[in-house]
Amino acid sequence: MSLRAPLTTARRTFATSSRAFAEPASSSAQSGFSPLRDLLISSTSSSSSSSSSSSSSRFTPTPSTGSEAASAETPTSPFNVHNIPPKADPTLDLFTNCLMKDGKKDEAQKMVSRILTMLHQSTNLSPQPLLKQAIDLSSPSIKILSMRKSAKTILTPRALTERQRTRQGIAWLLKASEKGRKGTVSRDQRIAKEVLAVLEGGSDVFKWLEDRHKTAYLNRSNMTAR
């Protein structure tokens, strides 16, 4: 009896201590947090709050220079030759060349600037997209060639390149603007009015477009593969 009593008491104390040690672990497993994690979280939050308060009291922001801001905002991209913008707008350059007479390009450029100014005053919009849209609406997609075949002449439609389309559209736009040439209206005013008429859909250019496409449709059997 004397030997069993200490053994039983030791077993009881060990069981109670192990039960007491296991109870917090089970409760922490149910809650999803451990005391060690709670301690770490509380210590890190307190240290971060103290460091933020001390840094906010001692930190003074310094303005960044323009080069640093530009380098931070614009990421460096690899060089590509196709990303280089053109020196001049090809459509406006071609339009200027079509307006030029006797090699006087300075006068043609001044006329283009006056036309763009009139378009801006009339619509209160950016004039360059308006002029490009009018030229695009006036540009046909095909041309009609007269070809001699045996004893008769046949009409053969051919597709136009992008530059050919733009040039033909500018030519038709200038041709339609010559309608009021006999009056006192200047050439740049007539061209600006014709551009607005094309955008509104009331120009003679659309009739010429319809006639050409109708002729090409009727003679589509004469097309040859190229």
Protein backbone atom coordinates (compact mmCIF):
# COMPACT_ATOMS: atom_id res chain seq x y z
CA MET A 1 0.00 0.00 0.00
CA SER A 2 2.77 2.32 0.75
CA LEU A 3 4.33 1.74 -2.68
CA ARG A 4 1.07 2.04 -4.65
CA ALA A 5 -0.03 5.29 -3.09
CA PRO A 6 2.81 7.43 -4.48
CA LEU A 7 2.43 5.75 -7.87
CA THR A 8 -1.30 6.48 -8.07
CA THR A 9 -0.79 10.06 -6.93
CA ALA A 10 1.93 10.51 -9.55
CA ARG A 11 -0.37 9.11 -12.22
CA ARG A 12 -3.17 11.46 -11.16
CA THR A 13 -0.93 14.51 -11.17
CA PHE A 14 0.49 13.54 -14.57
CA ALA A 15 -3.02 13.02 -15.98
CA THR A 16 -4.26 16.34 -14.69
CA SER A 17 -1.18 18.16 -15.99
CA SER A 18 -1.46 16.50 -19.38
CA ARG A 19 -5.21 17.35 -19.49
CA ALA A 20 -4.44 20.93 -18.59
CA PHE A 21 -1.75 21.05 -21.27
CA ALA A 22 -4.06 19.55 -23.91
CA GLU A 23 -7.06 21.81 -23.24
CA PRO A 24 -5.54 25.08 -24.55
CA ALA A 25 -4.28 23.31 -27.66
CA SER A 26 -7.74 21.96 -28.46
CA SER A 27 -9.36 25.34 -27.91
CA SER A 28 -6.74 27.03 -30.05
CA ALA A 29 -7.23 24.43 -32.78
CA GLN A 30 -10.97 25.08 -32.73
CA SER A 31 -10.53 28.82 -32.87
CA GLY A 32 -7.85 28.61 -35.58
CA PHE A 33 -5.23 30.61 -33.64
CA SER A 34 -2.45 29.57 -31.31
CA PRO A 35 -1.15 31.53 -28.35
CA LEU A 36 2.21 31.83 -30.03
CA ARG A 37 0.65 33.24 -33.16
CA ASP A 38 -1.48 35.64 -31.13
CA LEU A 39 1.62 36.78 -29.32
CA LEU A 40 3.50 37.29 -32.54
CA ILE A 41 0.61 39.19 -34.12
CA SER A 42 0.19 41.45 -31.11
CA SER A 43 3.93 42.14 -30.94
CA THR A 44 4.19 42.88 -34.66
CA SER A 45 1.11 45.14 -34.61
CA SER A 46 2.41 47.07 -31.64
CA SER A 47 5.87 47.42 -33.16
CA SER A 48 4.43 48.50 -36.53
CA SER A 49 2.15 51.07 -34.90
CA SER A 50 5.03 52.46 -32.85
CA SER A 51 7.35 52.53 -35.85
CA SER A 52 4.69 54.19 -38.04
CA SER A 53 4.02 56.83 -35.41
CA SER A 54 7.71 57.52 -34.95
CA SER A 55 8.36 57.55 -38.69
CA SER A 56 5.38 59.82 -39.33
CA SER A 57 6.68 62.22 -36.73
CA ARG A 58 10.21 62.23 -38.13
CA PHE A 59 9.63 61.69 -41.89
CA THR A 60 9.34 64.69 -44.18
CA PRO A 61 8.50 63.93 -47.85
CA THR A 62 10.93 65.28 -50.41
CA PRO A 63 9.64 66.26 -53.86
CA SER A 64 10.79 63.95 -56.61
CA THR A 65 12.51 65.34 -59.65
CA GLY A 66 10.95 65.25 -63.11
CA SER A 67 13.32 62.61 -64.43
CA GLU A 68 12.60 60.29 -61.48
CA ALA A 69 8.84 60.71 -61.89
CA ALA A 70 9.04 60.10 -65.61
CA SER A 71 11.16 56.99 -65.12
CA ALA A 72 8.75 55.72 -62.47
CA GLU A 73 5.64 56.36 -64.60
CA THR A 74 6.90 55.26 -68.02
CA PRO A 75 8.33 51.74 -68.09
CA THR A 76 11.21 51.11 -70.42
CA SER A 77 10.10 49.26 -73.54
CA PRO A 78 12.33 47.55 -76.09
CA PHE A 79 13.20 49.59 -79.17
CA ASN A 80 11.11 48.86 -82.23
CA VAL A 81 11.56 50.62 -85.55
CA HIS A 82 7.82 50.35 -86.26
CA ASN A 83 6.98 52.43 -83.16
CA ILE A 84 8.71 55.54 -84.52
CA PRO A 85 6.06 58.14 -85.43
CA PRO A 86 6.27 59.62 -88.94
CA LYS A 87 7.93 62.98 -89.40
CA ALA A 88 4.75 64.36 -91.00
CA ASP A 89 1.20 63.14 -91.47
CA PRO A 90 1.19 61.27 -94.81
CA THR A 91 -2.45 62.14 -95.53
CA LEU A 92 -1.93 65.86 -94.93
CA ASP A 93 1.32 65.74 -96.89
CA LEU A 94 -0.45 64.15 -99.86
CA PHE A 95 -3.32 66.64 -99.56
CA THR A 96 -0.79 69.50 -99.60
CA ASN A 97 0.92 68.09 -102.69
CA CYS A 98 -2.42 67.83 -104.48
CA LEU A 99 -3.16 71.48 -103.69
CA MET A 100 0.30 72.66 -104.76
CA LYS A 101 0.65 74.55 -108.04
CA ASP A 102 3.87 75.44 -109.85
CA GLY A 103 5.95 73.93 -107.05
CA LYS A 104 4.84 76.53 -104.46
CA LYS A 105 4.51 74.27 -101.46
CA ASP A 106 4.58 77.11 -98.90
CA GLU A 107 1.37 78.54 -100.34
CA ALA A 108 -0.21 75.09 -100.35
CA GLN A 109 0.73 74.57 -96.68
CA LYS A 110 -0.78 77.94 -95.77
CA MET A 111 -3.96 76.97 -97.61
CA VAL A 112 -4.14 73.67 -95.71
CA SER A 113 -3.76 75.52 -92.40
CA ARG A 114 -6.57 77.91 -93.38
CA ILE A 115 -8.81 74.98 -94.33
CA LEU A 116 -8.15 73.29 -90.99
CA THR A 117 -8.88 76.56 -89.17
CA MET A 118 -12.22 76.91 -90.98
CA LEU A 119 -13.16 73.34 -90.13
CA HIS A 120 -12.36 73.94 -86.48
CA GLN A 121 -14.37 77.17 -86.41
CA SER A 122 -17.36 75.50 -88.09
CA THR A 123 -17.50 72.35 -85.97
CA ASN A 124 -15.52 73.21 -82.80
CA LEU A 125 -13.78 69.84 -83.22
CA SER A 126 -10.29 68.69 -84.08
CA PRO A 127 -9.95 69.43 -87.83
CA GLN A 128 -7.43 66.78 -88.86
CA PRO A 129 -9.66 63.75 -88.10
CA LEU A 130 -12.51 65.48 -89.93
CA LEU A 131 -10.41 66.01 -93.05
CA LYS A 132 -9.11 62.43 -92.94
CA GLN A 133 -12.63 61.06 -92.55
CA ALA A 134 -13.87 63.13 -95.50
CA ILE A 135 -11.00 61.90 -97.67
CA ASP A 136 -11.67 58.30 -96.62
CA LEU A 137 -15.37 58.63 -97.45
CA SER A 138 -14.49 60.08 -100.87
CA SER A 139 -11.96 57.37 -101.74
CA PRO A 140 -13.03 54.56 -104.10
CA SER A 141 -11.75 51.03 -103.69
CA ILE A 142 -11.34 50.18 -107.37
CA LYS A 143 -10.44 51.71 -110.71
CA ILE A 144 -11.80 50.94 -114.17
CA LEU A 145 -9.35 50.17 -116.96
CA SER A 146 -10.27 50.18 -120.65
CA MET A 147 -8.58 47.22 -122.28
CA ARG A 148 -8.58 46.28 -125.95
CA LYS A 149 -9.57 42.69 -126.60
CA SER A 150 -9.74 41.58 -130.24
CA ALA A 151 -12.17 43.99 -131.92
CA LYS A 152 -13.82 45.48 -128.85
CA THR A 153 -12.93 47.44 -125.74
CA ILE A 154 -13.77 45.93 -122.39
CA LEU A 155 -13.85 47.54 -118.96
CA THR A 156 -11.76 45.79 -116.34
CA PRO A 157 -12.00 46.69 -112.64
CA ARG A 158 -8.78 46.70 -110.62
CA ALA A 159 -8.22 47.17 -106.91
CA LEU A 160 -6.44 50.29 -105.69
CA THR A 161 -3.70 50.51 -103.11
CA GLU A 162 -4.14 52.63 -100.00
CA ARG A 163 -2.18 55.56 -101.41
CA GLN A 164 -4.04 55.36 -104.73
CA ARG A 165 -7.36 55.36 -102.90
CA THR A 166 -6.37 58.43 -100.87
CA ARG A 167 -5.11 60.29 -103.93
CA GLN A 168 -8.29 59.57 -105.90
CA GLY A 169 -10.43 60.66 -102.96
CA ILE A 170 -8.53 63.95 -102.69
CA ALA A 171 -8.88 64.48 -106.46
CA TRP A 172 -12.65 63.95 -106.32
CA LEU A 173 -12.91 66.21 -103.28
CA LEU A 174 -11.10 69.02 -105.09
CA LYS A 175 -13.12 68.41 -108.25
CA ALA A 176 -16.40 68.69 -106.35
CA SER A 177 -15.21 71.92 -104.70
CA GLU A 178 -14.75 73.56 -108.13
CA LYS A 179 -18.52 73.74 -108.46
CA GLY A 180 -18.72 77.29 -107.04
CA ARG A 181 -15.57 78.60 -108.68
CA LYS A 182 -17.27 81.41 -110.59
CA GLY A 183 -18.31 83.21 -107.40
CA THR A 184 -16.23 85.35 -105.08
CA VAL A 185 -15.60 82.50 -102.64
CA SER A 186 -11.92 81.66 -102.24
CA ARG A 187 -10.54 78.21 -102.97
CA ASP A 188 -9.81 77.30 -99.35
CA GLN A 189 -13.38 78.24 -98.33
CA ARG A 190 -14.83 76.10 -101.13
CA ILE A 191 -12.70 73.12 -100.10
CA ALA A 192 -13.69 73.52 -96.44
CA LYS A 193 -17.38 73.66 -97.41
CA GLU A 194 -16.97 70.56 -99.58
CA VAL A 195 -15.33 68.67 -96.70
CA LEU A 196 -18.32 69.51 -94.50
CA ALA A 197 -20.69 68.48 -97.31
CA VAL A 198 -18.96 65.10 -97.57
CA LEU A 199 -19.25 64.59 -93.82
CA GLU A 200 -22.95 65.46 -93.99
CA GLY A 201 -23.51 63.12 -96.98
CA GLY A 202 -24.63 65.79 -99.47
CA SER A 203 -21.69 65.88 -101.89
CA ASP A 204 -21.45 64.83 -105.54
CA VAL A 205 -18.58 62.54 -104.58
CA PHE A 206 -21.02 59.85 -103.43
CA LYS A 207 -22.68 59.80 -106.86
CA TRP A 208 -19.31 59.24 -108.52
CA LEU A 209 -18.53 56.49 -106.04
CA GLU A 210 -21.82 54.74 -106.75
CA ASP A 211 -21.33 54.97 -110.52
CA ARG A 212 -17.83 53.54 -110.36
CA HIS A 213 -18.77 50.65 -108.10
CA LYS A 214 -21.83 49.90 -110.22
CA THR A 215 -19.67 49.81 -113.37
CA ALA A 216 -17.18 47.53 -111.63
CA TYR A 217 -19.98 45.22 -110.52
CA LEU A 218 -21.38 44.94 -114.04
CA ASN A 219 -17.93 44.16 -115.49
CA ARG A 220 -16.74 41.88 -112.70
CA SER A 221 -16.42 38.97 -115.15
CA ASN A 222 -13.55 40.79 -116.87
CA MET A 223 -11.41 40.74 -113.74
CA THR A 224 -8.25 38.67 -113.96
CA ALA A 225 -6.33 37.11 -111.10
CA ARG A 226 -3.04 38.89 -110.39
